[in-house]
Amino acid sequence: MKIQGQVGSSGKLPPAQLEPLRQLFDGLESQFEKVSGLRGGVFALDVPVDFKSRTDRERLIIYCNGVKAWSLYGDVDGAPAATFNAMAQRKKQMTDRLEADGVATDCRTIPATQPFDAT
């Protein structure tokens, strides 16, 4: 339910969670940008394809955690709609960046763990 410039459809989370969730989203967005920058270098190298796909997978994991943080922010009682909507635009930019690189943004496909062979 939207109440005069506030989100919080369910109001499940207390107002004290607003700032920590905003900071979490900001941090995940920052990490997404860093990994996205590194991706260009990885894809320019003559490295195994699975290394490249793992790089995209790691970006997707960070993205999906950001999406979850954004969604939780909207569940905080009294979350300002303006902030939520601004975060939605930033989330869309991350979505667009992944999709431009051919990465599907379906967070349901991410396994809980991912084996890694460092050899």
C-alpha atoms as a PDB file:
ATOM      1  CA  MET A   1       0.000   0.000   0.000  1.00  0.00           C
ATOM      2  CA  LYS A   2       1.353   3.413  -0.936  1.00  0.00           C
ATOM      3  CA  ILE A   3       0.713   6.122   1.642  1.00  0.00           C
ATOM      4  CA  GLN A   4       1.427   9.759   0.758  1.00  0.00           C
ATOM      5  CA  GLY A   5       4.932   9.597  -0.627  1.00  0.00           C
ATOM      6  CA  GLN A   6       5.878   6.459   1.252  1.00  0.00           C
ATOM      7  CA  VAL A   7       6.444   2.952   0.061  1.00  0.00           C
ATOM      8  CA  GLY A   8       6.371   0.118   2.587  1.00  0.00           C
ATOM      9  CA  SER A   9       3.742  -2.034   0.911  1.00  0.00           C
ATOM     10  CA  SER A  10       3.840  -4.492   3.745  1.00  0.00           C
ATOM     11  CA  GLY A  11       5.621  -2.467   6.405  1.00  0.00           C
ATOM     12  CA  LYS A  12       7.347  -5.659   7.515  1.00  0.00           C
ATOM     13  CA  LEU A  13      10.606  -3.984   8.473  1.00  0.00           C
ATOM     14  CA  PRO A  14      11.085  -1.287  11.137  1.00  0.00           C
ATOM     15  CA  PRO A  15      12.103   2.248  10.127  1.00  0.00           C
ATOM     16  CA  ALA A  16      15.544   1.702  11.697  1.00  0.00           C
ATOM     17  CA  GLN A  17      16.343  -0.532   8.703  1.00  0.00           C
ATOM     18  CA  LEU A  18      16.039   2.302   6.160  1.00  0.00           C
ATOM     19  CA  GLU A  19      19.580   3.634   6.315  1.00  0.00           C
ATOM     20  CA  PRO A  20      21.361   0.255   6.618  1.00  0.00           C
ATOM     21  CA  LEU A  21      19.452  -1.081   3.602  1.00  0.00           C
ATOM     22  CA  ARG A  22      20.180   2.045   1.568  1.00  0.00           C
ATOM     23  CA  GLN A  23      23.864   1.716   2.446  1.00  0.00           C
ATOM     24  CA  LEU A  24      23.796  -1.970   1.526  1.00  0.00           C
ATOM     25  CA  PHE A  25      22.288  -1.159  -1.863  1.00  0.00           C
ATOM     26  CA  ASP A  26      24.883   1.593  -2.397  1.00  0.00           C
ATOM     27  CA  GLY A  27      27.714  -0.793  -1.542  1.00  0.00           C
ATOM     28  CA  LEU A  28      26.434  -3.536  -3.822  1.00  0.00           C
ATOM     29  CA  GLU A  29      25.986  -1.047  -6.645  1.00  0.00           C
ATOM     30  CA  SER A  30      29.579   0.103  -6.130  1.00  0.00           C
ATOM     31  CA  GLN A  31      30.887  -3.475  -6.200  1.00  0.00           C
ATOM     32  CA  PHE A  32      28.814  -4.182  -9.311  1.00  0.00           C
ATOM     33  CA  GLU A  33      30.463  -1.230 -11.056  1.00  0.00           C
ATOM     34  CA  LYS A  34      33.938  -2.428 -10.035  1.00  0.00           C
ATOM     35  CA  VAL A  35      33.338  -5.981 -11.268  1.00  0.00           C
ATOM     36  CA  SER A  36      31.776  -4.632 -14.453  1.00  0.00           C
ATOM     37  CA  GLY A  37      34.930  -2.617 -15.063  1.00  0.00           C
ATOM     38  CA  LEU A  38      37.082  -5.685 -14.529  1.00  0.00           C
ATOM     39  CA  ARG A  39      34.888  -7.691 -16.892  1.00  0.00           C
ATOM     40  CA  GLY A  40      36.153  -5.718 -19.872  1.00  0.00           C
ATOM     41  CA  GLY A  41      39.711  -6.711 -19.038  1.00  0.00           C
ATOM     42  CA  VAL A  42      38.824 -10.358 -18.511  1.00  0.00           C
ATOM     43  CA  PHE A  43      36.968 -10.556 -21.816  1.00  0.00           C
ATOM     44  CA  ALA A  44      39.937  -8.967 -23.619  1.00  0.00           C
ATOM     45  CA  LEU A  45      42.230 -11.751 -22.401  1.00  0.00           C
ATOM     46  CA  ASP A  46      42.798 -15.096 -24.022  1.00  0.00           C
ATOM     47  CA  VAL A  47      41.462 -17.004 -21.023  1.00  0.00           C
ATOM     48  CA  PRO A  48      39.156 -20.027 -20.843  1.00  0.00           C
ATOM     49  CA  VAL A  49      35.504 -19.355 -21.577  1.00  0.00           C
ATOM     50  CA  ASP A  50      34.466 -20.705 -18.172  1.00  0.00           C
ATOM     51  CA  PHE A  51      36.562 -17.985 -16.507  1.00  0.00           C
ATOM     52  CA  LYS A  52      34.685 -15.364 -18.499  1.00  0.00           C
ATOM     53  CA  SER A  53      31.322 -16.895 -17.677  1.00  0.00           C
ATOM     54  CA  ARG A  54      32.228 -17.040 -13.976  1.00  0.00           C
ATOM     55  CA  THR A  55      33.023 -13.333 -14.082  1.00  0.00           C
ATOM     56  CA  ASP A  56      29.544 -12.640 -15.450  1.00  0.00           C
ATOM     57  CA  ARG A  57      28.053 -14.994 -12.871  1.00  0.00           C
ATOM     58  CA  GLU A  58      29.741 -13.104 -10.035  1.00  0.00           C
ATOM     59  CA  ARG A  59      28.375  -9.847 -11.427  1.00  0.00           C
ATOM     60  CA  LEU A  60      24.917 -11.396 -11.522  1.00  0.00           C
ATOM     61  CA  ILE A  61      25.198 -12.479  -7.874  1.00  0.00           C
ATOM     62  CA  ILE A  62      26.122  -8.937  -6.814  1.00  0.00           C
ATOM     63  CA  TYR A  63      23.297  -7.542  -8.961  1.00  0.00           C
ATOM     64  CA  CYS A  64      20.733  -9.922  -7.461  1.00  0.00           C
ATOM     65  CA  ASN A  65      21.801  -9.025  -3.933  1.00  0.00           C
ATOM     66  CA  GLY A  66      21.347  -5.374  -4.879  1.00  0.00           C
ATOM     67  CA  VAL A  67      17.877  -6.120  -6.217  1.00  0.00           C
ATOM     68  CA  LYS A  68      17.020  -7.836  -2.940  1.00  0.00           C
ATOM     69  CA  ALA A  69      18.331  -4.894  -0.888  1.00  0.00           C
ATOM     70  CA  TRP A  70      16.222  -2.531  -3.020  1.00  0.00           C
ATOM     71  CA  SER A  71      13.145  -4.704  -2.559  1.00  0.00           C
ATOM     72  CA  LEU A  72      13.672  -4.891   1.214  1.00  0.00           C
ATOM     73  CA  TYR A  73      14.057  -1.118   1.338  1.00  0.00           C
ATOM     74  CA  GLY A  74      10.563  -0.895  -0.106  1.00  0.00           C
ATOM     75  CA  ASP A  75       9.285  -3.111   2.698  1.00  0.00           C
ATOM     76  CA  VAL A  76      10.489  -0.757   5.416  1.00  0.00           C
ATOM     77  CA  ASP A  77       7.679   1.048   7.180  1.00  0.00           C
ATOM     78  CA  GLY A  78       7.729   4.650   5.979  1.00  0.00           C
ATOM     79  CA  ALA A  79      10.303   4.224   3.201  1.00  0.00           C
ATOM     80  CA  PRO A  80      10.344   7.474   1.193  1.00  0.00           C
ATOM     81  CA  ALA A  81       8.961   6.898  -2.296  1.00  0.00           C
ATOM     82  CA  ALA A  82      11.432   9.371  -3.818  1.00  0.00           C
ATOM     83  CA  THR A  83      14.428   7.435  -2.503  1.00  0.00           C
ATOM     84  CA  PHE A  84      12.911   4.086  -3.461  1.00  0.00           C
ATOM     85  CA  ASN A  85      12.217   5.347  -6.993  1.00  0.00           C
ATOM     86  CA  ALA A  86      15.724   6.810  -7.327  1.00  0.00           C
ATOM     87  CA  MET A  87      17.157   3.452  -6.271  1.00  0.00           C
ATOM     88  CA  ALA A  88      14.876   1.776  -8.841  1.00  0.00           C
ATOM     89  CA  GLN A  89      16.440   3.895 -11.592  1.00  0.00           C
ATOM     90  CA  ARG A  90      19.933   2.885 -10.450  1.00  0.00           C
ATOM     91  CA  LYS A  91      18.832  -0.757 -10.341  1.00  0.00           C
ATOM     92  CA  LYS A  92      17.568  -0.392 -13.906  1.00  0.00           C
ATOM     93  CA  GLN A  93      20.977   0.928 -14.977  1.00  0.00           C
ATOM     94  CA  MET A  94      22.604  -2.209 -13.553  1.00  0.00           C
ATOM     95  CA  THR A  95      19.971  -4.354 -15.284  1.00  0.00           C
ATOM     96  CA  ASP A  96      20.582  -2.608 -18.595  1.00  0.00           C
ATOM     97  CA  ARG A  97      24.338  -3.039 -18.253  1.00  0.00           C
ATOM     98  CA  LEU A  98      24.030  -6.783 -17.646  1.00  0.00           C
ATOM     99  CA  GLU A  99      21.572  -7.244 -20.497  1.00  0.00           C
ATOM    100  CA  ALA A 100      23.796  -5.235 -22.851  1.00  0.00           C
ATOM    101  CA  ASP A 101      26.512  -7.808 -22.126  1.00  0.00           C
ATOM    102  CA  GLY A 102      24.125 -10.665 -22.880  1.00  0.00           C
ATOM    103  CA  VAL A 103      23.632 -11.693 -19.262  1.00  0.00           C
ATOM    104  CA  ALA A 104      20.103 -12.748 -18.294  1.00  0.00           C
ATOM    105  CA  THR A 105      18.964 -10.964 -15.146  1.00  0.00           C
ATOM    106  CA  ASP A 106      16.874 -13.808 -13.729  1.00  0.00           C
ATOM    107  CA  CYS A 107      17.962 -14.081 -10.110  1.00  0.00           C
ATOM    108  CA  ARG A 108      16.090 -17.367  -9.646  1.00  0.00           C
ATOM    109  CA  THR A 109      18.775 -19.227 -11.623  1.00  0.00           C
ATOM    110  CA  ILE A 110      21.635 -18.531  -9.216  1.00  0.00           C
ATOM    111  CA  PRO A 111      22.747 -21.546  -7.139  1.00  0.00           C
ATOM    112  CA  ALA A 112      23.467 -21.054  -3.457  1.00  0.00           C
ATOM    113  CA  THR A 113      27.089 -22.051  -3.967  1.00  0.00           C
ATOM    114  CA  GLN A 114      29.402 -22.239  -6.923  1.00  0.00           C
ATOM    115  CA  PRO A 115      32.365 -24.598  -7.113  1.00  0.00           C
ATOM    116  CA  PHE A 116      35.613 -23.018  -8.224  1.00  0.00           C
ATOM    117  CA  ASP A 117      38.660 -24.793  -9.556  1.00  0.00           C
ATOM    118  CA  ALA A 118      41.604 -22.450  -8.927  1.00  0.00           C
ATOM    119  CA  THR A 119      44.000 -24.550 -10.975  1.00  0.00           C
END
